[in-house]
N, C-alpha and C. Protein backbone atom coordinates (compact mmCIF):
# COMPACT_ATOMS: atom_id res chain seq x y z
N MET A 1 99.89 154.26 146.06
CA MET A 1 101.06 152.88 146.43
C MET A 1 100.11 151.78 145.53
N SER A 2 100.82 150.89 145.15
CA SER A 2 100.13 149.84 144.31
C SER A 2 99.21 149.10 144.85
N THR A 3 98.20 148.13 144.34
CA THR A 3 97.45 147.28 145.09
C THR A 3 97.76 145.78 144.65
N LEU A 4 98.63 145.95 143.88
CA LEU A 4 99.21 144.57 143.34
C LEU A 4 99.92 143.94 144.51
N PRO A 5 99.83 142.67 144.39
CA PRO A 5 100.68 141.82 145.60
C PRO A 5 102.25 141.72 145.15
N ILE A 6 102.87 141.73 146.07
CA ILE A 6 104.54 141.77 145.52
C ILE A 6 104.72 140.93 144.70
N TYR A 7 104.46 139.41 144.96
CA TYR A 7 104.91 138.54 144.27
C TYR A 7 104.76 138.43 142.90
N GLU A 8 103.33 139.08 142.49
CA GLU A 8 102.88 139.62 141.07
C GLU A 8 103.90 140.55 140.57
N LEU A 9 104.13 141.68 141.40
CA LEU A 9 105.20 142.59 140.66
C LEU A 9 106.37 141.72 140.46
N GLU A 10 106.86 141.04 141.33
CA GLU A 10 108.23 140.16 141.08
C GLU A 10 107.96 139.20 139.72
N LEU A 11 106.79 138.87 139.73
CA LEU A 11 106.78 138.19 138.48
C LEU A 11 106.68 138.66 137.02
N ARG A 12 106.15 140.17 137.17
CA ARG A 12 105.85 140.89 136.13
C ARG A 12 107.25 141.63 135.64
N ALA A 13 108.25 141.71 136.61
CA ALA A 13 109.59 142.33 136.73
C ALA A 13 110.59 141.09 136.30
N SER A 14 109.90 140.22 136.62
CA SER A 14 110.88 138.91 135.97
C SER A 14 110.61 138.78 134.37
N ASP A 15 109.12 138.59 134.19
CA ASP A 15 108.82 138.35 132.70
C ASP A 15 109.61 139.44 131.87
N GLN A 16 109.60 140.77 132.33
CA GLN A 16 110.10 142.03 131.73
C GLN A 16 111.71 141.66 131.51
N ARG A 17 111.98 141.11 132.31
CA ARG A 17 113.54 140.95 132.52
C ARG A 17 113.79 139.80 131.31
N ARG A 18 113.13 138.85 131.46
CA ARG A 18 113.50 137.77 130.22
C ARG A 18 112.89 138.36 128.60
N ARG A 19 112.08 139.10 128.72
CA ARG A 19 111.71 139.86 126.97
C ARG A 19 113.20 140.88 126.76
N LEU A 20 113.67 141.18 127.73
CA LEU A 20 114.61 142.39 127.40
C LEU A 20 115.68 141.78 127.27
N ALA A 21 115.97 140.42 127.70
CA ALA A 21 116.86 139.79 127.52
C ALA A 21 116.80 139.22 125.99
N ALA A 22 115.95 138.76 125.80
CA ALA A 22 115.44 138.03 124.73
C ALA A 22 115.56 139.15 123.37
N SER A 23 115.39 140.22 123.81
CA SER A 23 115.40 141.04 122.60
C SER A 23 117.00 141.78 122.36
N VAL A 24 117.56 141.51 123.61
CA VAL A 24 118.98 142.02 123.31
C VAL A 24 119.84 140.93 122.39
N ALA A 25 119.29 139.75 123.24
CA ALA A 25 119.97 138.36 122.17
C ALA A 25 119.79 138.81 120.65
N GLU A 26 118.50 138.96 120.48
CA GLU A 26 117.83 139.17 118.82
C GLU A 26 118.96 140.19 118.37
N PHE A 27 118.90 141.14 119.09
CA PHE A 27 119.39 142.62 118.52
C PHE A 27 120.88 142.08 117.96
N LYS A 28 121.76 141.45 119.15
CA LYS A 28 123.24 141.12 119.11
C LYS A 28 123.18 140.03 117.82
N THR A 29 122.33 139.27 117.24
CA THR A 29 122.34 138.32 116.37
C THR A 29 122.12 138.96 114.93
N GLN A 30 121.28 140.22 114.97
CA GLN A 30 121.55 141.03 113.68
C GLN A 30 122.22 141.83 113.34
N VAL A 31 122.74 142.10 114.63
CA VAL A 31 124.44 143.17 114.42
C VAL A 31 125.48 142.17 113.45
N ARG A 32 125.39 141.15 114.26
CA ARG A 32 126.65 140.14 113.97
C ARG A 32 126.36 139.73 112.23
N GLU A 33 125.06 139.36 111.92
CA GLU A 33 125.14 138.93 110.59
C GLU A 33 124.85 140.51 109.46
N ARG A 34 124.61 141.57 109.91
CA ARG A 34 124.87 142.48 109.48
C ARG A 34 126.52 143.07 109.10
N LEU A 35 127.15 143.01 110.00
CA LEU A 35 128.79 143.19 110.02
C LEU A 35 129.28 141.91 109.30
N ASN A 36 129.11 141.02 109.34
CA ASN A 36 129.42 139.50 108.95
C ASN A 36 130.21 140.14 107.21
N ILE A 37 131.57 140.13 107.11
CA ILE A 37 132.09 140.37 105.80
C ILE A 37 131.77 139.44 104.91
N ASP A 38 131.87 138.12 105.49
CA ASP A 38 131.59 136.95 104.36
C ASP A 38 130.10 137.29 103.70
N ASN A 39 129.41 137.37 104.23
CA ASN A 39 127.72 137.63 103.98
C ASN A 39 127.74 138.75 103.34
N ALA A 40 128.10 139.80 103.34
CA ALA A 40 128.53 141.34 102.49
C ALA A 40 128.92 141.03 101.29
N VAL A 41 130.18 140.32 101.18
CA VAL A 41 131.08 139.91 100.09
C VAL A 41 129.85 139.22 99.23
N ARG A 42 129.45 138.25 99.88
CA ARG A 42 128.77 137.02 99.05
C ARG A 42 127.39 137.55 98.60
N GLU A 43 126.81 138.52 99.18
CA GLU A 43 125.60 139.44 98.45
C GLU A 43 125.89 140.27 97.46
N HIS A 44 126.89 141.22 97.62
CA HIS A 44 127.53 142.07 96.35
C HIS A 44 128.34 141.56 95.88
N LEU A 45 128.74 140.22 95.40
CA LEU A 45 129.89 139.89 94.74
C LEU A 45 129.78 140.89 93.40
N GLY A 46 128.82 140.73 92.56
CA GLY A 46 128.83 141.34 91.37
C GLY A 46 129.49 142.49 91.19
N LEU A 47 128.66 143.68 92.13
CA LEU A 47 129.15 145.04 92.36
C LEU A 47 130.70 144.89 92.51
N LEU A 48 131.15 144.41 93.61
CA LEU A 48 132.43 144.09 94.02
C LEU A 48 133.53 143.89 92.95
N SER A 49 133.12 142.92 91.96
CA SER A 49 133.60 142.45 91.20
C SER A 49 133.97 143.69 89.90
N GLY A 50 132.90 144.25 89.78
CA GLY A 50 133.01 145.41 88.95
C GLY A 50 133.76 146.62 89.30
N ILE A 51 133.63 146.61 90.43
CA ILE A 51 134.59 147.82 91.22
C ILE A 51 136.05 147.44 90.65
N VAL A 52 136.19 146.39 91.35
CA VAL A 52 137.99 145.75 91.22
C VAL A 52 138.32 145.72 89.78
N ALA A 53 137.42 145.15 88.75
CA ALA A 53 137.80 145.45 87.27
C ALA A 53 138.13 146.85 86.81
N ALA A 54 137.29 147.55 87.37
CA ALA A 54 137.78 148.95 86.78
C ALA A 54 138.84 149.52 87.36
N PHE A 55 138.88 149.44 88.54
CA PHE A 55 140.11 149.96 89.22
C PHE A 55 141.53 149.14 88.58
N ALA A 56 141.24 148.24 88.18
CA ALA A 56 142.49 147.07 87.52
C ALA A 56 142.51 147.76 86.30
N PHE A 57 141.88 148.13 85.51
CA PHE A 57 141.43 148.84 84.13
C PHE A 57 142.29 149.88 84.35
N ALA A 58 141.64 150.81 85.25
CA ALA A 58 142.12 151.77 85.14
C ALA A 58 143.85 152.00 85.57
N SER A 59 144.33 151.29 86.56
CA SER A 59 145.51 151.20 87.00
C SER A 59 146.49 151.02 85.71
N ALA A 60 145.74 149.81 85.09
CA ALA A 60 146.64 149.25 83.72
C ALA A 60 146.75 150.51 82.74
N TYR A 61 145.56 150.84 82.61
CA TYR A 61 145.91 152.23 81.62
C TYR A 61 146.93 153.34 82.07
N ALA A 62 146.71 153.84 83.47
CA ALA A 62 148.09 154.82 84.02
C ALA A 62 148.88 154.24 83.81
N VAL A 63 149.41 153.15 84.42
CA VAL A 63 150.71 152.34 84.09
C VAL A 63 151.38 152.58 82.61
N THR A 64 150.68 151.61 81.83
CA THR A 64 150.58 152.09 80.22
C THR A 64 151.12 153.39 79.72
N GLY A 65 150.09 154.21 80.38
CA GLY A 65 150.50 155.55 79.50
C GLY A 65 152.06 156.20 80.11
N LEU A 66 152.53 155.61 81.31
CA LEU A 66 153.56 156.28 81.67
C LEU A 66 154.96 155.47 80.71
N PHE A 67 154.49 154.31 80.08
CA PHE A 67 155.93 153.66 79.27
C PHE A 67 155.54 153.85 77.83
N THR A 68 154.55 154.74 77.37
CA THR A 68 154.33 155.04 75.92
C THR A 68 154.27 156.44 75.99
N ARG A 69 155.01 156.84 74.55
CA ARG A 69 155.10 158.30 74.24
C ARG A 69 153.88 158.51 73.42
N HIS A 70 153.89 159.75 73.40
CA HIS A 70 152.53 159.97 72.20
C HIS A 70 152.97 161.22 71.44
């Protein structure tokens, strides 16, 4: 059996609950930031623009090939 008084155990449990709640809140904030589409687009705008440009070029090339004879 524990030699600590009950009120001290309650204080420790309360402190652990507060720390756990703070950790969960911080984790939620980090998840929201990572899953935020606006931030992801802003961070990778150059790469995204390059991919869209390459897709547009390939699509235009394919459509042009449909209407021209070789």
